[in-house]
Amino acid sequence: MTKPALSFPAELLLQAQGIRVAFFDVDGVLTDGGLYFTESGETIKRFNTLDGQGIKLLQRAGITPVVISGRDSAPLRTRLAALGISHLHLGTEDKRPAAETSLATLGLTWQHAAVMGDDWPDLAVMQHSAFVCAPPHAHAEIKARAHLITAAAAGSGAAREFCDVLLLASGHYARFLAEYTTDNMP
């Protein structure tokens, strides 16, 4: 079996153990936070394939990704559908009730929850979640509460780092990696 090149401090992995649901903000987490508009006013978003692969691996590990965003757009819905994300709350600024709805639907509690956010609307979910992650450009109040501040920027692999920590903490990372380093790829 291939030994993973990736590692995180043991304390961080302990903090992330037992996670069964991962809440994601979109703008500033799954995207670079920029808002791009065409001449006709259509919103364009750029997503990173590293982040998408991480989210797919979470699903294989039994960790449910949930997207909670203050914005809603056709490009966002297209990307989430392509990733198979069925738990989503779009166009909501009040994120805690949305997270609580998902927790109830999944039969989970806050102790099973991880979150990645970048600004104040994410605080209500962060203060209750067992594991908190932020990209490096996040607001200072968010970074002060994060267990992990990613090395990669939002929209450039930050969400993948979050996923990798959860995969390592859940014990799935090495097995999934081994599948990709043999002729028996999934």
Protein backbone atom coordinates (compact mmCIF):
# COMPACT_ATOMS: atom_id res chain seq x y z
CA MET A 1 0.00 0.00 0.00
CA THR A 2 1.26 3.47 -0.84
CA LYS A 3 2.14 5.56 2.19
CA PRO A 4 0.30 8.91 2.12
CA ALA A 5 2.53 11.96 1.61
CA LEU A 6 -0.03 14.11 3.39
CA SER A 7 -0.03 14.49 7.15
CA PHE A 8 -1.61 16.71 9.76
CA PRO A 9 -0.94 17.09 13.50
CA ALA A 10 -2.44 14.34 15.64
CA GLU A 11 -4.41 16.88 17.71
CA LEU A 12 -6.08 18.18 14.55
CA LEU A 13 -7.04 14.68 13.42
CA LEU A 14 -8.44 13.88 16.86
CA GLN A 15 -10.57 17.03 16.70
CA ALA A 16 -11.91 15.89 13.31
CA GLN A 17 -12.77 12.32 14.33
CA GLY A 18 -16.40 11.29 14.31
CA ILE A 19 -17.44 13.83 11.67
CA ARG A 20 -20.37 12.61 9.57
CA VAL A 21 -21.54 15.84 7.93
CA ALA A 22 -19.48 18.64 6.36
CA PHE A 23 -21.07 22.06 5.83
CA PHE A 24 -19.63 24.19 3.04
CA ASP A 25 -20.14 27.85 2.24
CA VAL A 26 -19.72 28.62 -1.47
CA ASP A 27 -18.39 32.12 -2.21
CA GLY A 28 -14.97 32.39 -0.60
CA VAL A 29 -14.78 28.64 0.08
CA LEU A 30 -15.68 26.63 -3.04
CA THR A 31 -14.95 29.69 -5.19
CA ASP A 32 -12.37 32.45 -4.87
CA GLY A 33 -15.05 34.76 -3.51
CA GLY A 34 -15.14 36.94 -6.60
CA LEU A 35 -18.44 37.65 -8.30
CA TYR A 36 -18.17 37.59 -12.07
CA PHE A 37 -20.96 38.93 -14.25
CA THR A 38 -21.43 38.70 -18.00
CA GLU A 39 -22.66 41.69 -20.00
CA SER A 40 -26.17 40.29 -19.73
CA GLY A 41 -25.88 40.15 -15.92
CA GLU A 42 -25.47 36.38 -15.65
CA THR A 43 -23.29 35.21 -12.75
CA ILE A 44 -20.25 33.12 -13.64
CA LYS A 45 -18.41 31.07 -11.03
CA ARG A 46 -15.10 29.21 -11.17
CA PHE A 47 -14.82 25.94 -9.27
CA ASN A 48 -11.73 23.81 -8.66
CA THR A 49 -11.67 20.14 -9.60
CA LEU A 50 -9.49 19.31 -6.56
CA ASP A 51 -12.31 20.49 -4.31
CA GLY A 52 -14.83 18.47 -6.31
CA GLN A 53 -12.78 15.27 -5.99
CA GLY A 54 -12.46 15.84 -2.24
CA ILE A 55 -16.23 16.19 -1.90
CA LYS A 56 -16.79 13.00 -3.90
CA LEU A 57 -14.35 11.16 -1.63
CA LEU A 58 -16.19 12.45 1.45
CA GLN A 59 -19.39 10.96 0.10
CA ARG A 60 -17.65 7.60 -0.42
CA ALA A 61 -16.43 7.78 3.18
CA GLY A 62 -19.98 8.25 4.47
CA ILE A 63 -19.52 11.94 5.28
CA THR A 64 -22.42 13.94 3.86
CA PRO A 65 -21.54 17.25 2.21
CA VAL A 66 -24.10 20.01 2.77
CA VAL A 67 -23.89 23.35 0.98
CA ILE A 68 -25.32 26.41 2.71
CA SER A 69 -24.97 29.65 0.76
CA GLY A 70 -26.40 33.11 0.85
CA ARG A 71 -26.44 33.11 -2.93
CA ASP A 72 -28.16 30.96 -5.52
CA SER A 73 -27.30 30.72 -9.20
CA ALA A 74 -27.63 28.38 -12.15
CA PRO A 75 -23.85 27.75 -12.34
CA LEU A 76 -23.81 26.81 -8.66
CA ARG A 77 -26.73 24.42 -9.04
CA THR A 78 -25.05 22.84 -12.08
CA ARG A 79 -21.81 22.24 -10.16
CA LEU A 80 -23.56 20.84 -7.08
CA ALA A 81 -25.62 18.48 -9.25
CA ALA A 82 -22.46 17.29 -11.00
CA LEU A 83 -20.95 16.50 -7.59
CA GLY A 84 -24.07 14.64 -6.47
CA ILE A 85 -24.72 17.01 -3.57
CA SER A 86 -28.37 16.67 -2.64
CA HIS A 87 -28.35 18.48 0.71
CA LEU A 88 -28.30 22.17 -0.05
CA HIS A 89 -29.69 25.41 1.26
CA LEU A 90 -29.27 28.23 -1.24
CA GLY A 91 -30.24 31.87 -0.95
CA THR A 92 -30.15 31.84 2.85
CA GLU A 93 -28.21 34.20 5.10
CA ASP A 94 -29.51 32.56 8.29
CA LYS A 95 -27.31 29.48 8.11
CA ARG A 96 -27.80 27.92 11.55
CA PRO A 97 -31.45 26.89 11.01
CA ALA A 98 -30.47 25.48 7.62
CA ALA A 99 -27.69 23.43 9.23
CA GLU A 100 -30.04 22.25 11.98
CA THR A 101 -32.56 21.12 9.36
CA SER A 102 -29.88 19.04 7.65
CA LEU A 103 -28.69 17.59 10.96
CA ALA A 104 -32.25 16.56 11.83
CA THR A 105 -32.81 15.06 8.38
CA LEU A 106 -29.59 13.05 8.69
CA GLY A 107 -30.25 12.05 12.32
CA LEU A 108 -27.03 13.71 13.48
CA THR A 109 -26.01 16.27 16.09
CA TRP A 110 -23.54 19.15 16.13
CA GLN A 111 -20.85 16.84 17.52
CA HIS A 112 -20.88 15.09 14.11
CA ALA A 113 -20.56 18.36 12.18
CA ALA A 114 -17.64 20.07 10.49
CA VAL A 115 -17.85 23.39 8.67
CA MET A 116 -15.78 25.45 6.27
CA GLY A 117 -16.62 29.13 6.00
CA ASP A 118 -14.98 32.49 5.44
CA ASP A 119 -17.15 35.32 6.78
CA TRP A 120 -19.58 36.37 9.50
CA PRO A 121 -22.69 34.62 8.09
CA ASP A 122 -20.86 31.33 8.77
CA LEU A 123 -20.25 32.07 12.47
CA ALA A 124 -23.55 30.65 13.73
CA VAL A 125 -22.72 27.26 12.22
CA MET A 126 -19.06 27.43 13.25
CA GLN A 127 -19.74 28.08 16.93
CA HIS A 128 -21.72 24.83 17.18
CA SER A 129 -19.68 22.51 14.93
CA ALA A 130 -17.12 20.05 16.28
CA PHE A 131 -14.53 20.91 13.62
CA VAL A 132 -14.04 24.31 11.95
CA CYS A 133 -11.98 25.16 8.89
CA ALA A 134 -11.27 28.42 7.07
CA PRO A 135 -9.36 29.44 3.95
CA PRO A 136 -6.38 31.77 4.46
CA HIS A 137 -8.17 34.92 3.25
CA ALA A 138 -11.13 34.43 5.63
CA HIS A 139 -12.15 37.25 7.94
CA ALA A 140 -10.12 37.48 11.16
CA GLU A 141 -13.12 36.48 13.32
CA ILE A 142 -13.50 33.29 11.31
CA LYS A 143 -9.81 32.39 11.41
CA ALA A 144 -9.75 32.96 15.17
CA ARG A 145 -12.33 30.16 15.56
CA ALA A 146 -10.84 27.71 13.05
CA HIS A 147 -9.10 24.48 14.00
CA LEU A 148 -7.55 24.51 10.51
CA ILE A 149 -6.64 27.39 8.24
CA THR A 150 -5.81 25.88 4.87
CA ALA A 151 -2.60 26.56 2.97
CA ALA A 152 -4.47 26.64 -0.34
CA ALA A 153 -6.67 29.57 -1.24
CA ALA A 154 -10.43 29.33 -1.59
CA GLY A 155 -11.40 28.11 -5.03
CA SER A 156 -7.88 26.70 -5.44
CA GLY A 157 -7.93 23.54 -3.33
CA ALA A 158 -8.82 24.87 0.15
CA ALA A 159 -11.95 22.72 0.35
CA ARG A 160 -9.87 19.71 -0.71
CA GLU A 161 -7.57 20.26 2.29
CA PHE A 162 -10.64 20.32 4.54
CA CYS A 163 -11.86 17.09 2.94
CA ASP A 164 -8.42 15.48 3.26
CA VAL A 165 -8.32 16.17 7.01
CA LEU A 166 -11.76 14.60 7.41
CA LEU A 167 -10.72 11.61 5.29
CA LEU A 168 -7.53 11.09 7.31
CA ALA A 169 -9.39 11.46 10.61
CA SER A 170 -12.04 8.95 9.50
CA GLY A 171 -9.43 6.40 8.44
CA HIS A 172 -10.44 6.32 4.75
CA TYR A 173 -7.65 8.37 3.17
CA ALA A 174 -4.97 5.67 2.83
CA ARG A 175 -7.42 3.09 1.45
CA PHE A 176 -8.80 5.51 -1.13
CA LEU A 177 -5.27 6.55 -2.13
CA ALA A 178 -4.30 2.90 -2.57
CA GLU A 179 -7.21 2.42 -4.98
CA TYR A 180 -5.77 5.15 -7.19
CA THR A 181 -2.23 3.79 -7.07
CA THR A 182 -3.16 0.32 -8.34
CA ASP A 183 -4.78 -0.97 -11.48
CA ASN A 184 -8.08 -1.29 -9.59
CA MET A 185 -9.14 2.35 -9.75
CA PRO A 186 -12.72 3.06 -8.64
